[in-house]
Amino acid sequence: MQPKRIWIVVTDGEKCRFLTSEKRNQDPVAAMPDLIVPNPPTREQGTERPGRTFESVGNRRSALEPPVDWHQQAKRDFAREISKILQQKTRDNAFDQLIVVATPEMLGNLRPVIASETKERIVGEVNKDYTQLTPREIKQQLSEGYNV
């Protein structure tokens, strides 16, 4: 019987690391290059100034609220990009099991966009930010609950 090929996806909304672990006594290694998306503050995204409108009574004017928070939208787009990569790797049979480690906000963005065929391979979700940890530290954090 071949050992399980486990992928660990570690993301925080701006950076995503794909690690693979095939042997329990070895540290995880990069399965593919990291994804890094520059996500400047909301004030630096979108259009210049919000539009202005007149009040319904009187001659006061006020600014309109922007229709979307560009910073949050960039994180949702990043989640969709990660989901597409995972779906392709699922179809390529690159892993048998998947562990998703992400901030709570990013987990909320990922859950609805991950394909059902990929969801079937998810064996665990961890709502923590491990993007700054080394692969060895990530393995130590996950080894208590998962066979990494």
C-alpha atoms as a PDB file:
ATOM      1  CA  MET A   1       0.000   0.000   0.000  1.00  0.00           C
ATOM      2  CA  GLN A   2       1.373   3.372  -0.987  1.00  0.00           C
ATOM      3  CA  PRO A   3       1.583   6.108   1.645  1.00  0.00           C
ATOM      4  CA  LYS A   4      -1.001   8.875   1.476  1.00  0.00           C
ATOM      5  CA  ARG A   5       0.067  11.996  -0.370  1.00  0.00           C
ATOM      6  CA  ILE A   6      -0.999  14.874   1.853  1.00  0.00           C
ATOM      7  CA  TRP A   7      -1.137  18.475   0.698  1.00  0.00           C
ATOM      8  CA  ILE A   8      -1.203  21.320   3.186  1.00  0.00           C
ATOM      9  CA  VAL A   9      -2.523  24.664   1.953  1.00  0.00           C
ATOM     10  CA  VAL A  10      -1.517  27.560   4.193  1.00  0.00           C
ATOM     11  CA  THR A  11      -3.014  30.972   3.388  1.00  0.00           C
ATOM     12  CA  ASP A  12      -3.911  34.284   4.959  1.00  0.00           C
ATOM     13  CA  GLY A  13      -5.568  36.150   2.097  1.00  0.00           C
ATOM     14  CA  GLU A  14      -2.421  37.643   0.588  1.00  0.00           C
ATOM     15  CA  LYS A  15      -0.037  34.688   0.550  1.00  0.00           C
ATOM     16  CA  CYS A  16      -0.630  31.011  -0.118  1.00  0.00           C
ATOM     17  CA  ARG A  17       1.808  28.148   0.376  1.00  0.00           C
ATOM     18  CA  PHE A  18       1.279  24.654  -1.012  1.00  0.00           C
ATOM     19  CA  LEU A  19       3.194  22.020   0.936  1.00  0.00           C
ATOM     20  CA  THR A  20       3.298  18.268   0.425  1.00  0.00           C
ATOM     21  CA  SER A  21       4.076  15.548   2.922  1.00  0.00           C
ATOM     22  CA  GLU A  22       4.517  11.960   1.795  1.00  0.00           C
ATOM     23  CA  LYS A  23       6.529  10.523   4.669  1.00  0.00           C
ATOM     24  CA  ARG A  24       5.778  10.991   8.346  1.00  0.00           C
ATOM     25  CA  ASN A  25       9.425  11.311   9.370  1.00  0.00           C
ATOM     26  CA  GLN A  26      10.238  14.098   6.885  1.00  0.00           C
ATOM     27  CA  ASP A  27       9.344  17.772   6.845  1.00  0.00           C
ATOM     28  CA  PRO A  28       6.794  18.969   4.295  1.00  0.00           C
ATOM     29  CA  VAL A  29       8.257  20.472   1.127  1.00  0.00           C
ATOM     30  CA  ALA A  30       6.887  22.984  -1.346  1.00  0.00           C
ATOM     31  CA  ALA A  31       4.561  21.319  -3.820  1.00  0.00           C
ATOM     32  CA  MET A  32       4.524  24.374  -6.056  1.00  0.00           C
ATOM     33  CA  PRO A  33       5.664  28.009  -5.855  1.00  0.00           C
ATOM     34  CA  ASP A  34       3.987  30.281  -3.334  1.00  0.00           C
ATOM     35  CA  LEU A  35       1.222  32.582  -4.508  1.00  0.00           C
ATOM     36  CA  ILE A  36       1.576  36.167  -3.360  1.00  0.00           C
ATOM     37  CA  VAL A  37      -1.005  38.783  -4.232  1.00  0.00           C
ATOM     38  CA  PRO A  38      -0.267  42.405  -3.497  1.00  0.00           C
ATOM     39  CA  ASN A  39      -3.339  43.736  -1.725  1.00  0.00           C
ATOM     40  CA  PRO A  40      -2.841  47.421  -0.933  1.00  0.00           C
ATOM     41  CA  PRO A  41      -5.122  49.180   1.538  1.00  0.00           C
ATOM     42  CA  THR A  42      -8.684  49.804   0.414  1.00  0.00           C
ATOM     43  CA  ARG A  43      -8.055  53.531   0.024  1.00  0.00           C
ATOM     44  CA  GLU A  44      -5.508  52.778  -2.727  1.00  0.00           C
ATOM     45  CA  GLN A  45      -7.856  50.568  -4.713  1.00  0.00           C
ATOM     46  CA  GLY A  46     -10.874  51.380  -6.833  1.00  0.00           C
ATOM     47  CA  THR A  47     -11.701  54.853  -8.101  1.00  0.00           C
ATOM     48  CA  GLU A  48     -10.541  58.208  -6.829  1.00  0.00           C
ATOM     49  CA  ARG A  49     -13.300  59.683  -4.699  1.00  0.00           C
ATOM     50  CA  PRO A  50     -16.789  58.381  -4.134  1.00  0.00           C
ATOM     51  CA  GLY A  51     -19.528  60.166  -6.023  1.00  0.00           C
ATOM     52  CA  ARG A  52     -21.726  62.810  -4.387  1.00  0.00           C
ATOM     53  CA  THR A  53     -25.466  63.143  -4.242  1.00  0.00           C
ATOM     54  CA  PHE A  54     -28.080  65.632  -3.045  1.00  0.00           C
ATOM     55  CA  GLU A  55     -30.268  64.815  -0.071  1.00  0.00           C
ATOM     56  CA  SER A  56     -33.916  64.166  -0.894  1.00  0.00           C
ATOM     57  CA  VAL A  57     -34.904  67.289   1.057  1.00  0.00           C
ATOM     58  CA  GLY A  58     -32.868  70.477   1.059  1.00  0.00           C
ATOM     59  CA  ASN A  59     -29.633  71.264  -0.700  1.00  0.00           C
ATOM     60  CA  ARG A  60     -27.157  69.232   1.370  1.00  0.00           C
ATOM     61  CA  ARG A  61     -24.771  66.982  -0.494  1.00  0.00           C
ATOM     62  CA  SER A  62     -23.082  63.868   0.824  1.00  0.00           C
ATOM     63  CA  ALA A  63     -20.677  61.256  -0.442  1.00  0.00           C
ATOM     64  CA  LEU A  64     -21.959  57.928  -1.662  1.00  0.00           C
ATOM     65  CA  GLU A  65     -20.618  54.783  -0.098  1.00  0.00           C
ATOM     66  CA  PRO A  66     -18.508  52.707  -2.499  1.00  0.00           C
ATOM     67  CA  PRO A  67     -20.442  49.636  -3.666  1.00  0.00           C
ATOM     68  CA  VAL A  68     -17.725  47.226  -2.590  1.00  0.00           C
ATOM     69  CA  ASP A  69     -14.771  47.029  -0.217  1.00  0.00           C
ATOM     70  CA  TRP A  70     -11.931  46.489  -2.695  1.00  0.00           C
ATOM     71  CA  HIS A  71      -9.640  44.971  -0.085  1.00  0.00           C
ATOM     72  CA  GLN A  72     -12.215  42.301   0.812  1.00  0.00           C
ATOM     73  CA  GLN A  73     -12.994  41.721  -2.868  1.00  0.00           C
ATOM     74  CA  ALA A  74      -9.302  41.061  -3.568  1.00  0.00           C
ATOM     75  CA  LYS A  75      -9.280  38.410  -0.831  1.00  0.00           C
ATOM     76  CA  ARG A  76     -12.385  36.739  -2.286  1.00  0.00           C
ATOM     77  CA  ASP A  77     -10.770  36.750  -5.744  1.00  0.00           C
ATOM     78  CA  PHE A  78      -7.621  35.215  -4.248  1.00  0.00           C
ATOM     79  CA  ALA A  79      -9.740  32.460  -2.660  1.00  0.00           C
ATOM     80  CA  ARG A  80     -11.263  31.693  -6.075  1.00  0.00           C
ATOM     81  CA  GLU A  81      -7.762  31.497  -7.593  1.00  0.00           C
ATOM     82  CA  ILE A  82      -6.638  29.057  -4.891  1.00  0.00           C
ATOM     83  CA  SER A  83      -9.783  27.015  -5.447  1.00  0.00           C
ATOM     84  CA  LYS A  84      -9.097  26.736  -9.188  1.00  0.00           C
ATOM     85  CA  ILE A  85      -5.554  25.524  -8.530  1.00  0.00           C
ATOM     86  CA  LEU A  86      -6.782  22.943  -6.016  1.00  0.00           C
ATOM     87  CA  GLN A  87      -9.473  21.745  -8.406  1.00  0.00           C
ATOM     88  CA  GLN A  88      -6.894  21.251 -11.168  1.00  0.00           C
ATOM     89  CA  LYS A  89      -4.522  19.433  -8.804  1.00  0.00           C
ATOM     90  CA  THR A  90      -7.416  17.234  -7.653  1.00  0.00           C
ATOM     91  CA  ARG A  91      -8.132  16.277 -11.247  1.00  0.00           C
ATOM     92  CA  ASP A  92      -4.418  15.611 -11.790  1.00  0.00           C
ATOM     93  CA  ASN A  93      -4.530  13.364  -8.693  1.00  0.00           C
ATOM     94  CA  ALA A  94      -1.644  15.285  -7.117  1.00  0.00           C
ATOM     95  CA  PHE A  95      -2.787  14.496  -3.564  1.00  0.00           C
ATOM     96  CA  ASP A  96      -4.913  12.013  -1.653  1.00  0.00           C
ATOM     97  CA  GLN A  97      -5.695  14.181   1.361  1.00  0.00           C
ATOM     98  CA  LEU A  98      -5.845  17.931   1.884  1.00  0.00           C
ATOM     99  CA  ILE A  99      -5.430  20.026   5.019  1.00  0.00           C
ATOM    100  CA  VAL A 100      -6.457  23.673   4.766  1.00  0.00           C
ATOM    101  CA  VAL A 101      -4.820  26.089   7.198  1.00  0.00           C
ATOM    102  CA  ALA A 102      -6.146  29.634   6.924  1.00  0.00           C
ATOM    103  CA  THR A 103      -7.275  32.621   8.900  1.00  0.00           C
ATOM    104  CA  PRO A 104     -10.966  32.449   9.861  1.00  0.00           C
ATOM    105  CA  GLU A 105     -11.841  35.113   7.288  1.00  0.00           C
ATOM    106  CA  MET A 106     -10.020  33.264   4.513  1.00  0.00           C
ATOM    107  CA  LEU A 107     -11.650  29.955   5.478  1.00  0.00           C
ATOM    108  CA  GLY A 108     -14.984  31.715   5.098  1.00  0.00           C
ATOM    109  CA  ASN A 109     -13.947  32.872   1.624  1.00  0.00           C
ATOM    110  CA  LEU A 110     -12.641  29.429   0.597  1.00  0.00           C
ATOM    111  CA  ARG A 111     -15.452  27.149   1.761  1.00  0.00           C
ATOM    112  CA  PRO A 112     -18.103  28.228  -0.761  1.00  0.00           C
ATOM    113  CA  VAL A 113     -15.752  28.249  -3.768  1.00  0.00           C
ATOM    114  CA  ILE A 114     -13.897  24.945  -3.300  1.00  0.00           C
ATOM    115  CA  ALA A 115     -15.150  22.340  -5.773  1.00  0.00           C
ATOM    116  CA  SER A 116     -17.037  19.349  -4.361  1.00  0.00           C
ATOM    117  CA  GLU A 117     -14.450  16.905  -5.736  1.00  0.00           C
ATOM    118  CA  THR A 118     -11.765  18.767  -3.769  1.00  0.00           C
ATOM    119  CA  LYS A 119     -13.925  18.962  -0.627  1.00  0.00           C
ATOM    120  CA  GLU A 120     -14.093  15.169  -0.603  1.00  0.00           C
ATOM    121  CA  ARG A 121     -10.331  15.038  -0.030  1.00  0.00           C
ATOM    122  CA  ILE A 122     -10.231  17.591   2.806  1.00  0.00           C
ATOM    123  CA  VAL A 123      -9.368  15.815   6.042  1.00  0.00           C
ATOM    124  CA  GLY A 124      -8.984  18.908   8.185  1.00  0.00           C
ATOM    125  CA  GLU A 125      -9.325  22.649   8.493  1.00  0.00           C
ATOM    126  CA  VAL A 126      -7.320  24.772  10.903  1.00  0.00           C
ATOM    127  CA  ASN A 127      -8.338  28.382  11.464  1.00  0.00           C
ATOM    128  CA  LYS A 128      -4.910  29.816  12.277  1.00  0.00           C
ATOM    129  CA  ASP A 129      -2.362  31.936  10.444  1.00  0.00           C
ATOM    130  CA  TYR A 130       0.702  29.746   9.843  1.00  0.00           C
ATOM    131  CA  THR A 131       1.997  31.589   6.759  1.00  0.00           C
ATOM    132  CA  GLN A 132       5.067  32.867   8.612  1.00  0.00           C
ATOM    133  CA  LEU A 133       6.034  29.454  10.025  1.00  0.00           C
ATOM    134  CA  THR A 134       8.609  27.134   8.489  1.00  0.00           C
ATOM    135  CA  PRO A 135       7.445  23.787   7.059  1.00  0.00           C
ATOM    136  CA  ARG A 136       8.869  22.012  10.110  1.00  0.00           C
ATOM    137  CA  GLU A 137       6.930  24.291  12.481  1.00  0.00           C
ATOM    138  CA  ILE A 138       3.752  23.771  10.460  1.00  0.00           C
ATOM    139  CA  LYS A 139       4.222  20.007  10.688  1.00  0.00           C
ATOM    140  CA  GLN A 140       4.742  20.248  14.457  1.00  0.00           C
ATOM    141  CA  GLN A 141       1.548  22.278  14.836  1.00  0.00           C
ATOM    142  CA  LEU A 142      -0.468  19.845  12.712  1.00  0.00           C
ATOM    143  CA  SER A 143       1.071  16.575  13.939  1.00  0.00           C
ATOM    144  CA  GLU A 144      -1.115  16.480  17.046  1.00  0.00           C
ATOM    145  CA  GLY A 145      -4.382  16.264  15.130  1.00  0.00           C
ATOM    146  CA  TYR A 146      -3.399  14.869  11.738  1.00  0.00           C
ATOM    147  CA  ASN A 147      -1.037  12.177  10.463  1.00  0.00           C
ATOM    148  CA  VAL A 148       1.353  14.564   8.749  1.00  0.00           C
END
